[in-house]
Amino acid sequence: MSRSDSESGRSPDDQIPDRLRKREEFASHLNTAGYTDVLVLRRENGREVLTEGRLEIIQYLDGETVESVSDLARRLDRDKGAVSKDLRRLADLDIIAYEGAGNGDIKRPVLKHESVVVEPVVY
């Protein structure tokens, strides 16, 4: 604890932003309700995920296995470049991962979590 913290009587937990503490509490409640593999996105990131194209990818990967990015684009009847761009953003947000990526292997996109939720706007 820093000198100013000990002088003020504040614990390190008092320095955790309220919003972060509430997000962790929200995730804990979901876990208690049986949702054990949940990614809780910040609401700012929710806007990026909740596009028609990205939701279509997430929903498709939830029920199907694809062999590659090209295979996914073909199945969704979408441009491969657009699908690749959406997948990169979903990977940045920790929603999908690639199996077989690297060393010349075909990259196969898969969901990383059983559930993805956006933190509530109001707690």
C-alpha atoms as a PDB file:
ATOM      1  CA  MET A   1       0.000   0.000   0.000  1.00  0.00           C
ATOM      2  CA  SER A   2       1.429   3.382  -0.897  1.00  0.00           C
ATOM      3  CA  ARG A   3       2.000   6.064   1.698  1.00  0.00           C
ATOM      4  CA  SER A   4      -0.997   8.105   0.531  1.00  0.00           C
ATOM      5  CA  ASP A   5      -3.232   5.026   0.704  1.00  0.00           C
ATOM      6  CA  SER A   6      -2.167   4.178   4.234  1.00  0.00           C
ATOM      7  CA  GLU A   7      -2.621   7.771   5.299  1.00  0.00           C
ATOM      8  CA  SER A   8      -6.094   7.927   3.778  1.00  0.00           C
ATOM      9  CA  GLY A   9      -7.095   4.541   5.157  1.00  0.00           C
ATOM     10  CA  ARG A  10      -8.054   3.248   1.686  1.00  0.00           C
ATOM     11  CA  SER A  11      -7.446  -0.367   0.778  1.00  0.00           C
ATOM     12  CA  PRO A  12      -6.222  -1.414  -2.683  1.00  0.00           C
ATOM     13  CA  ASP A  13      -9.780  -2.658  -3.414  1.00  0.00           C
ATOM     14  CA  ASP A  14     -11.043   0.912  -2.996  1.00  0.00           C
ATOM     15  CA  GLN A  15      -8.947   1.895  -6.017  1.00  0.00           C
ATOM     16  CA  ILE A  16     -10.653  -0.558  -8.404  1.00  0.00           C
ATOM     17  CA  PRO A  17     -13.034   1.422 -10.591  1.00  0.00           C
ATOM     18  CA  ASP A  18     -16.655   0.796  -9.682  1.00  0.00           C
ATOM     19  CA  ARG A  19     -17.511  -0.181 -13.249  1.00  0.00           C
ATOM     20  CA  LEU A  20     -14.829  -2.894 -13.302  1.00  0.00           C
ATOM     21  CA  ARG A  21     -15.982  -4.199  -9.936  1.00  0.00           C
ATOM     22  CA  LYS A  22     -19.585  -4.363 -11.215  1.00  0.00           C
ATOM     23  CA  ARG A  23     -18.505  -6.163 -14.404  1.00  0.00           C
ATOM     24  CA  GLU A  24     -16.724  -8.789 -12.305  1.00  0.00           C
ATOM     25  CA  GLU A  25     -19.798  -9.108 -10.081  1.00  0.00           C
ATOM     26  CA  PHE A  26     -21.991  -9.534 -13.168  1.00  0.00           C
ATOM     27  CA  ALA A  27     -19.700 -12.293 -14.477  1.00  0.00           C
ATOM     28  CA  SER A  28     -19.780 -13.963 -11.064  1.00  0.00           C
ATOM     29  CA  HIS A  29     -23.603 -13.975 -11.049  1.00  0.00           C
ATOM     30  CA  LEU A  30     -23.629 -15.527 -14.526  1.00  0.00           C
ATOM     31  CA  ASN A  31     -21.200 -18.181 -13.329  1.00  0.00           C
ATOM     32  CA  THR A  32     -23.402 -18.953 -10.335  1.00  0.00           C
ATOM     33  CA  ALA A  33     -26.360 -19.331 -12.703  1.00  0.00           C
ATOM     34  CA  GLY A  34     -24.494 -22.031 -14.627  1.00  0.00           C
ATOM     35  CA  TYR A  35     -22.840 -19.972 -17.347  1.00  0.00           C
ATOM     36  CA  THR A  36     -19.292 -21.111 -16.667  1.00  0.00           C
ATOM     37  CA  ASP A  37     -17.569 -20.087 -19.906  1.00  0.00           C
ATOM     38  CA  VAL A  38     -18.709 -16.508 -20.433  1.00  0.00           C
ATOM     39  CA  LEU A  39     -16.894 -13.614 -22.005  1.00  0.00           C
ATOM     40  CA  VAL A  40     -18.266 -10.292 -20.749  1.00  0.00           C
ATOM     41  CA  LEU A  41     -17.514  -7.571 -23.267  1.00  0.00           C
ATOM     42  CA  ARG A  42     -17.276  -3.926 -22.362  1.00  0.00           C
ATOM     43  CA  ARG A  43     -20.327  -2.135 -23.694  1.00  0.00           C
ATOM     44  CA  GLU A  44     -18.106  -0.011 -25.966  1.00  0.00           C
ATOM     45  CA  ASN A  45     -16.912  -3.212 -27.649  1.00  0.00           C
ATOM     46  CA  GLY A  46     -20.461  -4.501 -27.889  1.00  0.00           C
ATOM     47  CA  ARG A  47     -21.178  -2.049 -30.674  1.00  0.00           C
ATOM     48  CA  GLU A  48     -18.357  -3.544 -32.705  1.00  0.00           C
ATOM     49  CA  VAL A  49     -19.645  -7.092 -32.251  1.00  0.00           C
ATOM     50  CA  LEU A  50     -23.309  -6.418 -32.793  1.00  0.00           C
ATOM     51  CA  THR A  51     -23.035  -5.796 -36.511  1.00  0.00           C
ATOM     52  CA  GLU A  52     -25.101  -7.960 -38.812  1.00  0.00           C
ATOM     53  CA  GLY A  53     -22.057  -9.593 -40.413  1.00  0.00           C
ATOM     54  CA  ARG A  54     -20.222 -10.364 -37.168  1.00  0.00           C
ATOM     55  CA  LEU A  55     -23.337 -11.720 -35.489  1.00  0.00           C
ATOM     56  CA  GLU A  56     -23.909 -13.946 -38.505  1.00  0.00           C
ATOM     57  CA  ILE A  57     -20.368 -15.325 -38.130  1.00  0.00           C
ATOM     58  CA  ILE A  58     -20.768 -15.926 -34.386  1.00  0.00           C
ATOM     59  CA  GLN A  59     -24.120 -17.629 -34.809  1.00  0.00           C
ATOM     60  CA  TYR A  60     -22.850 -19.786 -37.655  1.00  0.00           C
ATOM     61  CA  LEU A  61     -19.743 -20.890 -35.729  1.00  0.00           C
ATOM     62  CA  ASP A  62     -21.927 -21.716 -32.746  1.00  0.00           C
ATOM     63  CA  GLY A  63     -23.575 -24.552 -34.629  1.00  0.00           C
ATOM     64  CA  GLU A  64     -21.199 -25.505 -37.422  1.00  0.00           C
ATOM     65  CA  THR A  65     -17.589 -26.481 -37.974  1.00  0.00           C
ATOM     66  CA  VAL A  66     -15.794 -24.851 -40.873  1.00  0.00           C
ATOM     67  CA  GLU A  67     -12.533 -25.871 -42.499  1.00  0.00           C
ATOM     68  CA  SER A  68     -11.131 -22.417 -43.202  1.00  0.00           C
ATOM     69  CA  VAL A  69     -11.878 -18.722 -43.553  1.00  0.00           C
ATOM     70  CA  SER A  70     -12.613 -19.346 -47.236  1.00  0.00           C
ATOM     71  CA  ASP A  71     -15.014 -22.140 -46.326  1.00  0.00           C
ATOM     72  CA  LEU A  72     -16.836 -19.861 -43.879  1.00  0.00           C
ATOM     73  CA  ALA A  73     -17.089 -17.062 -46.453  1.00  0.00           C
ATOM     74  CA  ARG A  74     -18.450 -19.486 -49.050  1.00  0.00           C
ATOM     75  CA  ARG A  75     -21.042 -20.892 -46.627  1.00  0.00           C
ATOM     76  CA  LEU A  76     -22.188 -17.400 -45.636  1.00  0.00           C
ATOM     77  CA  ASP A  77     -22.129 -16.234 -49.258  1.00  0.00           C
ATOM     78  CA  ARG A  78     -19.896 -13.306 -48.295  1.00  0.00           C
ATOM     79  CA  ASP A  79     -16.672 -11.820 -49.614  1.00  0.00           C
ATOM     80  CA  LYS A  80     -13.622 -13.576 -48.109  1.00  0.00           C
ATOM     81  CA  GLY A  81     -11.882 -10.254 -47.400  1.00  0.00           C
ATOM     82  CA  ALA A  82     -14.878  -8.915 -45.476  1.00  0.00           C
ATOM     83  CA  VAL A  83     -15.164 -12.161 -43.494  1.00  0.00           C
ATOM     84  CA  SER A  84     -11.417 -12.069 -42.728  1.00  0.00           C
ATOM     85  CA  LYS A  85     -11.713  -8.484 -41.473  1.00  0.00           C
ATOM     86  CA  ASP A  86     -14.675  -9.396 -39.237  1.00  0.00           C
ATOM     87  CA  LEU A  87     -12.841 -12.459 -37.918  1.00  0.00           C
ATOM     88  CA  ARG A  88      -9.743 -10.391 -37.085  1.00  0.00           C
ATOM     89  CA  ARG A  89     -11.853  -8.015 -35.010  1.00  0.00           C
ATOM     90  CA  LEU A  90     -13.630 -10.912 -33.286  1.00  0.00           C
ATOM     91  CA  ALA A  91     -10.225 -12.425 -32.505  1.00  0.00           C
ATOM     92  CA  ASP A  92      -9.016  -9.080 -31.105  1.00  0.00           C
ATOM     93  CA  LEU A  93     -12.051  -9.104 -28.807  1.00  0.00           C
ATOM     94  CA  ASP A  94     -11.259 -12.700 -27.688  1.00  0.00           C
ATOM     95  CA  ILE A  95     -14.459 -14.117 -29.184  1.00  0.00           C
ATOM     96  CA  ILE A  96     -12.884 -16.436 -31.733  1.00  0.00           C
ATOM     97  CA  ALA A  97      -9.557 -18.214 -32.113  1.00  0.00           C
ATOM     98  CA  TYR A  98      -7.876 -19.949 -35.000  1.00  0.00           C
ATOM     99  CA  GLU A  99      -6.993 -23.611 -34.949  1.00  0.00           C
ATOM    100  CA  GLY A 100      -4.147 -24.677 -37.178  1.00  0.00           C
ATOM    101  CA  ALA A 101      -2.916 -21.116 -37.617  1.00  0.00           C
ATOM    102  CA  GLY A 102       0.703 -20.732 -38.600  1.00  0.00           C
ATOM    103  CA  ASN A 103       3.392 -22.770 -40.352  1.00  0.00           C
ATOM    104  CA  GLY A 104       1.375 -22.746 -43.572  1.00  0.00           C
ATOM    105  CA  ASP A 105      -1.615 -24.512 -42.017  1.00  0.00           C
ATOM    106  CA  ILE A 106      -5.111 -23.424 -42.929  1.00  0.00           C
ATOM    107  CA  LYS A 107      -6.632 -21.150 -40.282  1.00  0.00           C
ATOM    108  CA  ARG A 108      -9.908 -22.572 -38.992  1.00  0.00           C
ATOM    109  CA  PRO A 109     -11.984 -20.066 -36.972  1.00  0.00           C
ATOM    110  CA  VAL A 110     -13.681 -21.401 -33.828  1.00  0.00           C
ATOM    111  CA  LEU A 111     -15.558 -19.778 -30.969  1.00  0.00           C
ATOM    112  CA  LYS A 112     -13.504 -19.439 -27.778  1.00  0.00           C
ATOM    113  CA  HIS A 113     -16.402 -19.234 -25.320  1.00  0.00           C
ATOM    114  CA  GLU A 114     -19.770 -20.880 -24.835  1.00  0.00           C
ATOM    115  CA  SER A 115     -21.439 -17.513 -24.177  1.00  0.00           C
ATOM    116  CA  VAL A 116     -20.631 -13.915 -25.029  1.00  0.00           C
ATOM    117  CA  VAL A 117     -22.517 -11.103 -23.344  1.00  0.00           C
ATOM    118  CA  VAL A 118     -22.185  -7.343 -23.322  1.00  0.00           C
ATOM    119  CA  GLU A 119     -22.034  -5.734 -19.918  1.00  0.00           C
ATOM    120  CA  PRO A 120     -25.302  -4.073 -18.887  1.00  0.00           C
ATOM    121  CA  VAL A 121     -25.783  -0.436 -19.735  1.00  0.00           C
ATOM    122  CA  VAL A 122     -27.213   0.135 -16.269  1.00  0.00           C
ATOM    123  CA  TYR A 123     -26.463  -1.973 -13.182  1.00  0.00           C
END
